[in-house]
Structures are given as C-alpha cells and as structure tokens.
Amino acid sequence: MVSTYDILLVDDEKEFIDILAKRLKKRGYSVRVAYSVERALHLVHDTLFRAAILDVNLPDGNGHDLFEIILTIQPEIQAVMLTGYGDLQKAFRMGKKGLCAYFGKPCDIDEILDALSEALKG
C-alpha cells in the first residue's frame, strides 16, 4: 500500500533536519525523514511525496544523484537542495531538471520554507 506525505527530508545532520521537520509540521505538512540515500529511496518507493528537501552530501551518496533517481520514480515531485559546498554550475543544471531552489548551508530555515511553499503552489 502506498501512503502519501507532503515532504521528504533527507539530510545526515539530524539536529538540523529534526528542527526543519518540526517547523514543517507546525505549518501543517506531513513529513518523513531520511538520514541516508538508502532510506530515502526506500521511502520514495513506498510513499508518494509532493516535495523533497535534499542535502547534497550524504554518507552513502549525494543529493544530486538522489534527485535524479527520485524524478524517475516520482516525476512530479518538487525539490529544494541544500549544500555546504556551493556549485553554481551544478545548481543551474539541476534547476533545468526541475529543482526549484538551491541553498548554501548554513541557511535560514524560513527561506527554505518559503521556497518550498512557493514551489508547492505551482
């Protein structure tokens, strides 16, 4: 049985992602959290998401590759990418594939939430 959630959060920085999850829940979103690519892929196969917030550097892979895999499974998903290592060329290429925002860490959680909210409107 496939369940439906609004947002998938994928980041290995547990404290940050847990705070972000709480903030999203306060705004009324249903959220699932993964701390690795492996767990994220498991969730994407079993759960339909409206959007994802993905970290670039994960212990078992990277968010860019994860985003491309997710798009093959759920092509309508909106995504926001987070990174501590900015790469403007990569951000531009990912934007052409449907990435709606790309933030460098540290970043303001309200900016992430605003970008996500805007992406979900369209």
C-alpha atoms as a PDB file:
ATOM      1  CA  MET A   1       0.000   0.000   0.000  1.00  0.00           C
ATOM      2  CA  VAL A   2       1.377   3.416  -0.965  1.00  0.00           C
ATOM      3  CA  SER A   3       0.985   6.164   1.598  1.00  0.00           C
ATOM      4  CA  THR A   4       1.052   9.888   0.832  1.00  0.00           C
ATOM      5  CA  TYR A   5       3.137  12.526   2.567  1.00  0.00           C
ATOM      6  CA  ASP A   6       3.775  16.119   1.660  1.00  0.00           C
ATOM      7  CA  ILE A   7       7.504  16.378   2.263  1.00  0.00           C
ATOM      8  CA  LEU A   8      10.555  14.100   2.248  1.00  0.00           C
ATOM      9  CA  LEU A   9      13.539  15.469   4.202  1.00  0.00           C
ATOM     10  CA  VAL A  10      16.946  13.921   3.500  1.00  0.00           C
ATOM     11  CA  ASP A  11      19.990  15.113   5.435  1.00  0.00           C
ATOM     12  CA  ASP A  12      22.536  13.454   7.698  1.00  0.00           C
ATOM     13  CA  GLU A  13      22.614  16.458  10.060  1.00  0.00           C
ATOM     14  CA  LYS A  14      19.981  15.057  12.409  1.00  0.00           C
ATOM     15  CA  GLU A  15      19.592  18.103  14.639  1.00  0.00           C
ATOM     16  CA  PHE A  16      19.034  20.422  11.657  1.00  0.00           C
ATOM     17  CA  ILE A  17      16.609  18.125   9.867  1.00  0.00           C
ATOM     18  CA  ASP A  18      14.646  17.401  13.036  1.00  0.00           C
ATOM     19  CA  ILE A  19      14.185  21.154  13.610  1.00  0.00           C
ATOM     20  CA  LEU A  20      13.132  21.590   9.985  1.00  0.00           C
ATOM     21  CA  ALA A  21      10.668  18.695  10.310  1.00  0.00           C
ATOM     22  CA  LYS A  22       9.099  20.273  13.400  1.00  0.00           C
ATOM     23  CA  ARG A  23       8.760  23.621  11.627  1.00  0.00           C
ATOM     24  CA  LEU A  24       7.122  21.976   8.609  1.00  0.00           C
ATOM     25  CA  LYS A  25       4.696  20.054  10.825  1.00  0.00           C
ATOM     26  CA  LYS A  26       3.729  23.319  12.544  1.00  0.00           C
ATOM     27  CA  ARG A  27       2.845  24.671   9.093  1.00  0.00           C
ATOM     28  CA  GLY A  28       0.560  21.695   8.534  1.00  0.00           C
ATOM     29  CA  TYR A  29       2.752  19.491   6.349  1.00  0.00           C
ATOM     30  CA  SER A  30       3.110  15.755   6.857  1.00  0.00           C
ATOM     31  CA  VAL A  31       6.788  14.849   6.847  1.00  0.00           C
ATOM     32  CA  ARG A  32       9.029  11.779   6.526  1.00  0.00           C
ATOM     33  CA  VAL A  33      12.727  11.968   7.383  1.00  0.00           C
ATOM     34  CA  ALA A  34      15.676  10.014   5.994  1.00  0.00           C
ATOM     35  CA  TYR A  35      19.285  10.382   7.085  1.00  0.00           C
ATOM     36  CA  SER A  36      20.724   8.479   4.094  1.00  0.00           C
ATOM     37  CA  VAL A  37      20.207   7.868   0.382  1.00  0.00           C
ATOM     38  CA  GLU A  38      19.315   4.243   1.075  1.00  0.00           C
ATOM     39  CA  ARG A  39      16.500   5.159   3.467  1.00  0.00           C
ATOM     40  CA  ALA A  40      15.276   7.933   1.166  1.00  0.00           C
ATOM     41  CA  LEU A  41      14.991   5.533  -1.768  1.00  0.00           C
ATOM     42  CA  HIS A  42      13.079   3.065   0.377  1.00  0.00           C
ATOM     43  CA  LEU A  43      10.619   5.813   1.327  1.00  0.00           C
ATOM     44  CA  VAL A  44      10.261   7.058  -2.267  1.00  0.00           C
ATOM     45  CA  HIS A  45       9.283   3.575  -3.450  1.00  0.00           C
ATOM     46  CA  ASP A  46       6.609   3.235  -0.731  1.00  0.00           C
ATOM     47  CA  THR A  47       5.389   6.809  -0.351  1.00  0.00           C
ATOM     48  CA  LEU A  48       4.119   9.491  -2.707  1.00  0.00           C
ATOM     49  CA  PHE A  49       5.641  12.902  -1.887  1.00  0.00           C
ATOM     50  CA  ARG A  50       4.717  16.363  -3.109  1.00  0.00           C
ATOM     51  CA  ALA A  51       8.209  17.726  -2.420  1.00  0.00           C
ATOM     52  CA  ALA A  52      11.657  16.866  -1.121  1.00  0.00           C
ATOM     53  CA  ILE A  53      14.375  18.796   0.655  1.00  0.00           C
ATOM     54  CA  LEU A  54      17.699  17.100  -0.073  1.00  0.00           C
ATOM     55  CA  ASP A  55      21.211  17.607   1.228  1.00  0.00           C
ATOM     56  CA  VAL A  56      23.959  17.286  -1.373  1.00  0.00           C
ATOM     57  CA  ASN A  57      26.497  15.440   0.782  1.00  0.00           C
ATOM     58  CA  LEU A  58      25.154  12.282   2.381  1.00  0.00           C
ATOM     59  CA  PRO A  59      27.102   9.425   3.956  1.00  0.00           C
ATOM     60  CA  ASP A  60      26.111   6.939   1.238  1.00  0.00           C
ATOM     61  CA  GLY A  61      25.749   9.144  -1.838  1.00  0.00           C
ATOM     62  CA  ASN A  62      24.785  12.627  -2.915  1.00  0.00           C
ATOM     63  CA  GLY A  63      21.602  14.604  -3.262  1.00  0.00           C
ATOM     64  CA  HIS A  64      22.105  15.401  -6.938  1.00  0.00           C
ATOM     65  CA  ASP A  65      22.090  11.739  -7.908  1.00  0.00           C
ATOM     66  CA  LEU A  66      19.271  11.054  -5.449  1.00  0.00           C
ATOM     67  CA  PHE A  67      17.162  13.813  -7.015  1.00  0.00           C
ATOM     68  CA  GLU A  68      17.600  12.324 -10.479  1.00  0.00           C
ATOM     69  CA  ILE A  69      16.587   8.872  -9.227  1.00  0.00           C
ATOM     70  CA  ILE A  70      13.564  10.293  -7.392  1.00  0.00           C
ATOM     71  CA  LEU A  71      12.463  12.038 -10.599  1.00  0.00           C
ATOM     72  CA  THR A  72      12.346   8.690 -12.407  1.00  0.00           C
ATOM     73  CA  ILE A  73      10.055   7.322  -9.691  1.00  0.00           C
ATOM     74  CA  GLN A  74       8.014  10.450  -8.930  1.00  0.00           C
ATOM     75  CA  PRO A  75       8.399  12.878 -11.859  1.00  0.00           C
ATOM     76  CA  GLU A  76       6.001  15.472 -10.410  1.00  0.00           C
ATOM     77  CA  ILE A  77       7.951  15.996  -7.178  1.00  0.00           C
ATOM     78  CA  GLN A  78       9.244  19.473  -6.337  1.00  0.00           C
ATOM     79  CA  ALA A  79      12.684  19.668  -4.734  1.00  0.00           C
ATOM     80  CA  VAL A  80      14.916  22.002  -2.764  1.00  0.00           C
ATOM     81  CA  MET A  81      18.649  21.239  -2.498  1.00  0.00           C
ATOM     82  CA  LEU A  82      20.861  22.143   0.474  1.00  0.00           C
ATOM     83  CA  THR A  83      24.651  22.161   0.408  1.00  0.00           C
ATOM     84  CA  GLY A  84      27.608  23.270   2.425  1.00  0.00           C
ATOM     85  CA  TYR A  85      29.667  23.220  -0.767  1.00  0.00           C
ATOM     86  CA  GLY A  86      28.092  25.540  -3.324  1.00  0.00           C
ATOM     87  CA  ASP A  87      28.465  24.775  -7.022  1.00  0.00           C
ATOM     88  CA  LEU A  88      26.663  27.359  -9.156  1.00  0.00           C
ATOM     89  CA  GLN A  89      27.061  25.385 -12.383  1.00  0.00           C
ATOM     90  CA  LYS A  90      25.580  22.285 -10.769  1.00  0.00           C
ATOM     91  CA  ALA A  91      22.753  24.368  -9.299  1.00  0.00           C
ATOM     92  CA  PHE A  92      21.964  25.756 -12.755  1.00  0.00           C
ATOM     93  CA  ARG A  93      21.940  22.290 -14.355  1.00  0.00           C
ATOM     94  CA  MET A  94      19.752  20.908 -11.571  1.00  0.00           C
ATOM     95  CA  GLY A  95      17.356  23.846 -11.985  1.00  0.00           C
ATOM     96  CA  LYS A  96      16.859  22.846 -15.595  1.00  0.00           C
ATOM     97  CA  LYS A  97      15.831  19.384 -14.359  1.00  0.00           C
ATOM     98  CA  GLY A  98      13.162  20.793 -12.073  1.00  0.00           C
ATOM     99  CA  LEU A  99      14.958  21.728  -8.886  1.00  0.00           C
ATOM    100  CA  CYS A 100      13.057  24.722  -7.518  1.00  0.00           C
ATOM    101  CA  ALA A 101      15.679  26.116  -5.102  1.00  0.00           C
ATOM    102  CA  TYR A 102      19.300  25.608  -4.118  1.00  0.00           C
ATOM    103  CA  PHE A 103      20.540  26.879  -0.734  1.00  0.00           C
ATOM    104  CA  GLY A 104      24.030  27.029   0.716  1.00  0.00           C
ATOM    105  CA  LYS A 105      24.458  25.987   4.338  1.00  0.00           C
ATOM    106  CA  PRO A 106      24.122  27.449   6.798  1.00  0.00           C
ATOM    107  CA  CYS A 107      20.791  28.725   5.581  1.00  0.00           C
ATOM    108  CA  ASP A 108      17.744  30.368   7.051  1.00  0.00           C
ATOM    109  CA  ILE A 109      15.006  27.808   7.690  1.00  0.00           C
ATOM    110  CA  ASP A 110      12.317  30.381   6.903  1.00  0.00           C
ATOM    111  CA  GLU A 111      13.847  30.916   3.442  1.00  0.00           C
ATOM    112  CA  ILE A 112      13.724  27.168   2.804  1.00  0.00           C
ATOM    113  CA  LEU A 113      10.110  27.011   3.964  1.00  0.00           C
ATOM    114  CA  ASP A 114       9.157  29.979   1.794  1.00  0.00           C
ATOM    115  CA  ALA A 115      10.800  28.429  -1.297  1.00  0.00           C
ATOM    116  CA  LEU A 116       9.079  25.144  -0.614  1.00  0.00           C
ATOM    117  CA  SER A 117       5.714  26.818  -0.135  1.00  0.00           C
ATOM    118  CA  GLU A 118       6.149  28.710  -3.410  1.00  0.00           C
ATOM    119  CA  ALA A 119       7.112  25.526  -5.272  1.00  0.00           C
ATOM    120  CA  LEU A 120       4.052  23.695  -3.986  1.00  0.00           C
ATOM    121  CA  LYS A 121       1.730  26.439  -5.254  1.00  0.00           C
ATOM    122  CA  GLY A 122       2.749  25.828  -8.857  1.00  0.00           C
END
